[in-house]
Amino acid sequence: MSKTDRKRWRHTSPLAAIFYLGRIFKAIGQNAVQSFAPLAAFLVAYEGNLMGKIVFGIAAFVVITVSGAVIRYMFFRYRITNDSVLIREGVLKKTQLDIKFDRIQAINTKQNLIFRAFDLVTVEFDTAGSAKQEGHLPAIKSALASSLRERIRSADRSVDVEDELKAESRSLLRLDNRDMIRIGLSNNRALIFLALLSPLIDNLANRIEETIDESSLLAILEGAGFAVAGGIGLAISIAILVLLLLGAASVVGAFLRYHRFELCTEGDVLRSTGGLLTRHEHSVNLAKIQSLRAIQNPILRLFGRFRLRAKQASSGKPGKGKQFIIPICEPDQLPMLEDEVFGEEFKEFDLRPRSDSFRPIAKSYMRSRVVLTGLSPAFVATSFFYLIAGPISLVFLLWIPLNAFGVWTKYRKFGFTVAGNGMVLRKGFFGYQTTAFLHRKVQRISVTQTLLQERRGLATIRFYLASGSLRLPYVDFQMAKGLRDYVLYKVESSRRAWH
């Protein structure tokens, strides 16, 4: 890129208006009531027939959204300098971003069907200290995106440029159609669909109640010869049908996002590609990974699979961290993926939750949790409602065995492994989560004691990383202090960067 190009503010392709149109639709979907309320009020006040109102409303919606997308494109400019990407955007509220190369953790690209026909991609920048993509370049040429990626990688001091250029792309993992089905059935998308459908179902039920009273409904059922058992069977059939539809929708979502998913490595970079209509390409420098988590919920456990999440530095807000996701892998593939992330620095760890290397926490955890979350609330609720409802309030005592079982389940799944250069923590309830991290990535450690823990010589230790904090409760107090001192020593003596 010439010096003249570096000084010139540039437009992206006019097809970037499609990108902004998608963002407008997304914002409307997230704020549907606020978005459509003014238009609905105008249509109600507008005099004319119903069809005319509908046609006018649709035309107004199309004109407003398309015009908004075009205007946002027209006010977008970018410039690439020797060490940063400058972005100007905004119509009324103008902003300028200066994204330094050394702050960029990863470059992710998206390519929908239209962009694919014109060899265009949308570039999104992941930067340290932000909870989401800080900037984007919509509808730029693929060659420019590749050139920008190479420049950012060469600007990273932790990367040996010559070795990177010599490194060849190596495929680590490919997923087939059967994996798409497993991904769809093992995630929480079905519950999300159910939550979105619940207002519609409630509204439909209210409409039925308004038009058909209970007596007429019973008369219809009796006239048709429906028995109680038939009604129960119908309800079960409807529930099964809804679950099947939600499962199918979740599987379709997995195909749309991860179709032809491939994970490969190029030197110190992990890169994944996948997607049916829109191709997603995500990449992360291995040096930027703060922790590696293996997840196995009940469905994944049934399939004998894991989901991996490599967490990067974030803003520190709970649930807002950035992560590189490997949607599914087999147990035999775990060691290979672990070696790719941590290499020779941490070879002795095992992310499999049933590994013999995990040490349990103290049994006092069960006693304290049963008292605090089981016995105490059950006795308080029983005593309070006994004066009002009498002996029937004893039903609250059933919470004690249920709570005890839940506490025992969580205790049994807590575990930890300490190695020379890192740790692995395990927890779970319905499933398992195992998280591995290097000692040198730790930024801060806290060791705390409750009154009960102090009497029993126990403590809770929390590790703070740039991607969030990890908690290990009810361990020996002296061991916790020794572990804290050891980890801090490893941090101070390490010559490698934490990020």
Foldseek 3Di string as FASTA:
>chain_A
DDPVQQVDWDAADLCCLVVQLVVVVVVCVVVVCVVCVVLVVVLVPDDDDPVVSVVVSVVVVVVVSSVVSNVQRVQWIWHDHLFWIWIWTDDPDIDIDTGGLQFFFWKKWKAFPVLVVVQFIKIFTDGFQALDGPDIRGTHHPVVVVVVRLSSQVVHPVDDNVLLVVFDKFWQDWDALVVLLLLLQPDCQLVVVVVVCVVVVVVVVVVCCVPDPPVVVVVVCVVVPDDPVNVVVVVVVVVVVSSVVSSVVSSVVSQQFAPGWIWIDRRQKIWIWGGDRMIMIIMGGLLQFFKKKWWAFPSNVVVQKIKIWGWGFYNADPPSTDTDIDSIDHQVSVLVVVCSNQNPLDNPDHNDQPDPQWDFFDPVQLVVQLVPVNVVVLVVQLVVCCVPPNPVSNVSNVSNVVSSVQSVQFRVFWTKHDDLFWIWTWTDGNIIMIMIGGLLQFDDKDWADDPVCVVVQFTKMWTQGSRYIDIHGHHHNVVRVVVRVSSVVCNVPDPRDSD
